[in-house]
Amino acid sequence: MNRINTILPTCLLVLASFGCSDADESSTTPSNTDAGVDAPESQNDAATDDGDDEGSLGEAAADVAAPDADAMLAAYLTGRFDSEAQSVSDSTYYAIQLVMCPVSVPELGEHVLYVEQAVMGSQPYRQRLYVVEPLDPPETHAVSKVYELADPTAAVGWCDDPTSLTLAASDTIERDGCHVEMEWKGDHFEGGTIGTTCASSLQGASYATSEVEITDGQLTSWDRGFDDQGNQAWGATQGPYVFDRKTALELP
């Protein structure tokens, strides 16, 4: 197998996960990446580390203002997703479970999500906080910033009881340059990382990128690492991971 094919997906912005963390890059366990929402290390072409809606998300009652994109993006990211269907149709992709839920970390902002990824039936291999903030214009643009946890073990299962853990900003580490900028397209979000700002040294890469799309029923994340010459070093080569929503989408 080509070396580029030996890493499982790790991101999402999700919004998914990139080869941005050096801590796990020498390991064969799931890698920790930070620009999207893919899977763990050691399979896939080159992969590295909510339910039904009742109408167009662009619609709003005539007398009620539509929510800004940051609130909408936080809602679209919230829920339980998995890539089981994709793994059945294409064995080069893992069956990954992705769970995201709102948690309270007031120092970081209004829309903070705890993110947990695991190979289905296994312990989490990636945990992050996503902080969703408005961009200009706020009606259609938002950004998801990525934070690592100083003690990820303490947060395992946090979405089962979001009141069970209290964190401060000092308990997190922002992954500078790995934020994901998203645009509301009327019925879904599209976006990704910007340029080469998300550093990665995994398998000889110098930076990571993520392309993300989120609809009312699905989240896709294509996370890849590239070297200084622009050659792909890790990440899926055939296309993104596809996560199907397993819980209902609740709009703001």
Protein backbone atom coordinates (compact mmCIF):
# COMPACT_ATOMS: atom_id res chain seq x y z
CA MET A 1 0.00 0.00 0.00
CA ASN A 2 1.26 3.47 -0.84
CA ARG A 3 2.40 5.37 2.22
CA ILE A 4 -0.14 8.09 1.47
CA ASN A 5 -2.83 5.49 2.13
CA THR A 6 -1.88 4.67 5.71
CA ILE A 7 -3.65 7.40 7.68
CA LEU A 8 -7.28 7.48 8.77
CA PRO A 9 -9.27 10.73 8.71
CA THR A 10 -9.02 13.00 11.74
CA CYS A 11 -10.88 16.30 11.27
CA LEU A 12 -14.65 18.15 10.51
CA LEU A 13 -14.91 21.37 11.19
CA VAL A 14 -16.19 19.63 10.84
CA LEU A 15 -16.85 20.83 11.09
CA ALA A 16 -14.64 17.58 11.22
CA SER A 17 -9.56 16.83 11.75
CA PHE A 18 -6.07 17.55 10.33
CA GLY A 19 -2.47 16.60 10.74
CA CYS A 20 -1.90 19.70 12.81
CA SER A 21 -0.77 18.11 16.05
CA ASP A 22 2.73 16.69 16.30
CA ALA A 23 1.97 14.75 19.50
CA ASP A 24 0.63 11.65 17.75
CA GLU A 25 2.46 11.78 14.44
CA SER A 26 4.87 8.97 15.24
CA SER A 27 2.09 6.68 16.42
CA THR A 28 -0.01 4.18 14.52
CA THR A 29 -3.06 5.11 16.58
CA PRO A 30 -5.59 7.63 15.19
CA SER A 31 -3.86 10.90 14.41
CA ASN A 32 -5.06 14.29 15.62
CA THR A 33 -5.66 16.69 12.77
CA ASP A 34 -7.49 19.97 12.92
CA ALA A 35 -9.02 21.46 9.84
CA GLY A 36 -12.05 19.27 9.27
CA VAL A 37 -13.61 16.04 10.52
CA ASP A 38 -12.16 12.82 9.07
CA ALA A 39 -10.92 9.55 10.63
CA PRO A 40 -7.85 7.97 12.45
CA GLU A 41 -4.47 6.61 11.36
CA SER A 42 -3.73 3.47 9.34
CA GLN A 43 -6.19 2.88 6.50
CA ASN A 44 -8.08 4.53 3.63
CA ASP A 45 -6.67 5.82 0.37
CA ALA A 46 -4.75 8.42 2.27
CA ALA A 47 -6.92 9.35 5.14
CA THR A 48 -5.28 10.92 8.32
CA ASP A 49 -5.99 12.25 12.36
CA ASP A 50 -28.52 15.67 13.05
CA GLY A 51 -32.02 13.89 11.32
CA ASP A 52 -34.65 15.47 9.22
CA ASP A 53 -35.39 19.09 8.47
CA GLU A 54 -38.81 20.27 7.45
CA GLY A 55 -37.84 22.83 4.82
CA SER A 56 -35.18 25.10 3.46
CA LEU A 57 -32.95 26.51 6.16
CA GLY A 58 -32.93 29.74 4.19
CA GLU A 59 -36.61 30.21 4.96
CA ALA A 60 -38.00 32.10 7.93
CA ALA A 61 -41.42 33.31 8.95
CA ALA A 62 -42.18 36.69 7.41
CA ASP A 63 -42.28 38.41 10.79
CA VAL A 64 -39.21 36.65 12.27
CA ALA A 65 -35.61 37.56 11.39
CA ALA A 66 -33.52 34.65 10.12
CA PRO A 67 -30.71 33.64 12.52
CA ASP A 68 -27.18 34.69 11.67
CA ALA A 69 -24.83 32.14 10.13
CA ASP A 70 -22.90 31.45 13.37
CA ALA A 71 -26.03 30.25 15.18
CA MET A 72 -27.09 28.26 12.12
CA LEU A 73 -23.64 26.67 11.71
CA ALA A 74 -23.54 25.67 15.39
CA ALA A 75 -26.96 24.02 14.94
CA TYR A 76 -25.86 22.18 11.78
CA LEU A 77 -22.77 20.84 13.53
CA THR A 78 -24.63 19.66 16.61
CA GLY A 79 -25.64 16.00 16.68
CA ARG A 80 -24.46 12.45 16.10
CA PHE A 81 -23.09 11.40 12.73
CA ASP A 82 -21.34 8.34 11.34
CA SER A 83 -19.69 7.08 8.15
CA GLU A 84 -20.92 3.49 8.47
CA ALA A 85 -22.79 3.51 5.15
CA GLN A 86 -19.71 4.76 3.31
CA SER A 87 -17.52 2.12 4.95
CA VAL A 88 -19.90 -0.60 3.77
CA SER A 89 -19.86 0.60 0.16
CA ASP A 90 -16.10 1.30 0.14
CA SER A 91 -13.87 -0.67 2.51
CA THR A 92 -11.04 1.86 2.22
CA TYR A 93 -13.06 4.12 4.55
CA TYR A 94 -13.50 3.43 8.25
CA ALA A 95 -16.85 3.45 10.07
CA ILE A 96 -16.33 6.57 12.19
CA GLN A 97 -18.72 8.02 14.75
CA LEU A 98 -18.72 11.79 15.16
CA VAL A 99 -20.50 13.44 18.11
CA MET A 100 -20.80 17.21 18.62
CA CYS A 101 -22.76 19.01 21.34
CA PRO A 102 -22.99 22.53 22.77
CA VAL A 103 -21.11 23.06 26.03
CA SER A 104 -20.60 26.07 28.25
CA VAL A 105 -17.17 27.71 28.20
CA PRO A 106 -18.16 31.39 28.48
CA GLU A 107 -14.60 32.68 28.13
CA LEU A 108 -14.41 31.22 24.62
CA GLY A 109 -17.72 32.52 23.32
CA GLU A 110 -21.44 31.90 22.85
CA HIS A 111 -21.31 28.93 20.48
CA VAL A 112 -18.88 26.32 21.83
CA LEU A 113 -19.14 22.68 20.73
CA TYR A 114 -17.42 19.64 22.18
CA VAL A 115 -16.33 17.25 19.40
CA GLU A 116 -15.58 13.56 19.85
CA GLN A 117 -14.54 11.11 17.11
CA ALA A 118 -14.09 7.36 17.38
CA VAL A 119 -13.93 4.28 15.24
CA MET A 120 -17.38 2.84 15.91
CA GLY A 121 -17.29 0.62 18.98
CA SER A 122 -13.97 2.04 20.19
CA GLN A 123 -12.73 4.76 22.51
CA PRO A 124 -12.36 8.29 21.08
CA TYR A 125 -9.19 8.99 19.13
CA ARG A 126 -9.85 12.72 18.72
CA GLN A 127 -11.44 15.33 20.99
CA ARG A 128 -11.69 19.05 20.32
CA LEU A 129 -13.67 22.18 21.01
CA TYR A 130 -15.07 24.15 18.09
CA VAL A 131 -15.82 27.82 18.75
CA VAL A 132 -18.22 29.20 16.14
CA GLU A 133 -18.10 32.96 15.53
CA PRO A 134 -19.59 35.33 12.95
CA LEU A 135 -17.69 36.64 9.94
CA ASP A 136 -18.62 39.50 7.62
CA PRO A 137 -21.37 39.49 6.46
CA PRO A 138 -22.74 37.71 9.55
CA GLU A 139 -25.96 36.70 7.79
CA THR A 140 -24.12 34.22 5.57
CA HIS A 141 -20.57 33.73 6.88
CA ALA A 142 -19.14 32.11 10.03
CA VAL A 143 -15.90 30.59 11.22
CA SER A 144 -15.22 27.52 13.35
CA LYS A 145 -12.05 27.84 15.43
CA VAL A 146 -10.38 24.66 16.71
CA TYR A 147 -9.13 24.11 20.26
CA GLU A 148 -7.34 21.14 21.81
CA LEU A 149 -8.08 20.05 25.38
CA ALA A 150 -5.33 20.03 28.00
CA ASP A 151 -6.92 16.92 29.57
CA PRO A 152 -8.99 15.14 26.90
CA THR A 153 -9.47 12.02 29.03
CA ALA A 154 -11.62 13.97 31.48
CA ALA A 155 -13.98 14.96 28.65
CA VAL A 156 -14.72 11.48 27.23
CA GLY A 157 -18.50 11.11 26.97
CA TRP A 158 -19.10 14.79 27.75
CA CYS A 159 -22.03 14.93 25.30
CA ASP A 160 -23.87 12.35 27.38
CA ASP A 161 -24.09 14.98 30.13
CA PRO A 162 -22.88 18.46 29.04
CA THR A 163 -23.21 19.71 32.65
CA SER A 164 -20.79 17.11 34.01
CA LEU A 165 -17.59 19.05 33.25
CA THR A 166 -16.49 22.64 33.72
CA LEU A 167 -13.70 24.07 31.57
CA ALA A 168 -11.98 27.44 31.40
CA ALA A 169 -10.12 28.95 28.47
CA SER A 170 -6.87 28.01 30.24
CA ASP A 171 -7.84 24.34 29.83
CA THR A 172 -7.69 24.65 26.03
CA ILE A 173 -5.10 25.36 23.33
CA GLU A 174 -6.15 27.05 20.10
CA ARG A 175 -4.89 25.48 16.85
CA ASP A 176 -3.83 28.70 15.12
CA GLY A 177 -4.36 28.71 11.38
CA CYS A 178 -6.62 25.64 11.36
CA HIS A 179 -9.93 27.50 11.53
CA VAL A 180 -12.59 26.67 8.96
CA GLU A 181 -14.49 29.48 7.24
CA MET A 182 -18.01 28.56 6.14
CA GLU A 183 -20.59 30.21 3.87
CA TRP A 184 -24.35 29.66 4.00
CA LYS A 185 -25.58 28.83 0.49
CA GLY A 186 -29.31 29.04 1.15
CA ASP A 187 -29.81 25.40 2.10
CA HIS A 188 -26.35 24.20 3.18
CA PHE A 189 -22.88 25.32 4.29
CA GLU A 190 -19.67 25.12 2.27
CA GLY A 191 -16.13 26.11 3.18
CA GLY A 192 -12.74 25.06 4.42
CA THR A 193 -9.36 26.16 5.69
CA ILE A 194 -7.61 29.13 4.16
CA GLY A 195 -4.40 28.67 2.17
CA THR A 196 -1.47 26.93 3.87
CA THR A 197 -1.95 28.29 7.41
CA CYS A 198 -2.74 24.99 9.15
CA ALA A 199 0.67 23.53 9.97
CA SER A 200 1.24 19.76 9.78
CA SER A 201 4.41 17.66 9.87
CA LEU A 202 2.63 14.32 9.57
CA GLN A 203 4.32 11.98 7.06
CA GLY A 204 6.47 14.78 5.66
CA ALA A 205 3.67 17.31 5.21
CA SER A 206 4.15 21.00 5.89
CA TYR A 207 0.49 22.05 5.95
CA ALA A 208 -3.02 20.61 5.98
CA THR A 209 -6.24 21.61 4.25
CA SER A 210 -9.89 20.75 4.75
CA GLU A 211 -12.91 21.06 2.48
CA VAL A 212 -16.23 20.84 4.31
CA GLU A 213 -19.88 20.73 3.27
CA ILE A 214 -22.81 20.42 5.68
CA THR A 215 -26.42 19.81 4.70
CA ASP A 216 -29.41 19.07 6.90
CA GLY A 217 -28.69 15.34 6.67
CA GLN A 218 -24.97 14.95 5.99
CA LEU A 219 -21.52 16.30 6.73
CA THR A 220 -18.60 15.70 4.36
CA SER A 221 -14.97 16.45 5.18
CA TRP A 222 -11.95 16.03 2.93
CA ASP A 223 -8.76 16.51 4.92
CA ARG A 224 -5.35 16.33 3.28
CA GLY A 225 -1.72 17.13 4.05
CA PHE A 226 0.77 18.54 1.52
CA ASP A 227 4.52 19.04 1.45
CA ASP A 228 6.38 22.23 0.51
CA GLN A 229 6.09 21.38 -3.19
CA GLY A 230 2.34 20.85 -3.01
CA ASN A 231 2.52 17.05 -3.20
CA GLN A 232 -0.07 15.20 -1.14
CA ALA A 233 1.50 13.51 1.89
CA TRP A 234 -1.58 12.14 3.64
CA GLY A 235 -5.34 12.16 3.40
CA ALA A 236 -7.98 10.49 1.25
CA THR A 237 -7.24 10.62 -2.47
CA GLN A 238 -10.62 9.55 -3.87
CA GLY A 239 -12.90 11.94 -2.03
CA PRO A 240 -14.18 13.10 1.35
CA TYR A 241 -15.45 11.14 4.30
CA VAL A 242 -19.26 11.19 4.32
CA PHE A 243 -20.96 11.36 7.73
CA ASP A 244 -24.72 10.75 7.83
CA ARG A 245 -26.73 12.59 10.48
CA LYS A 246 -28.28 10.21 13.04
CA THR A 247 -30.08 12.73 15.26
CA ALA A 248 -32.64 15.39 14.41
CA LEU A 249 -31.49 18.81 13.26
CA GLU A 250 -32.75 21.48 15.65
CA LEU A 251 -32.67 24.95 14.14
CA PRO A 252 -32.20 28.12 16.22
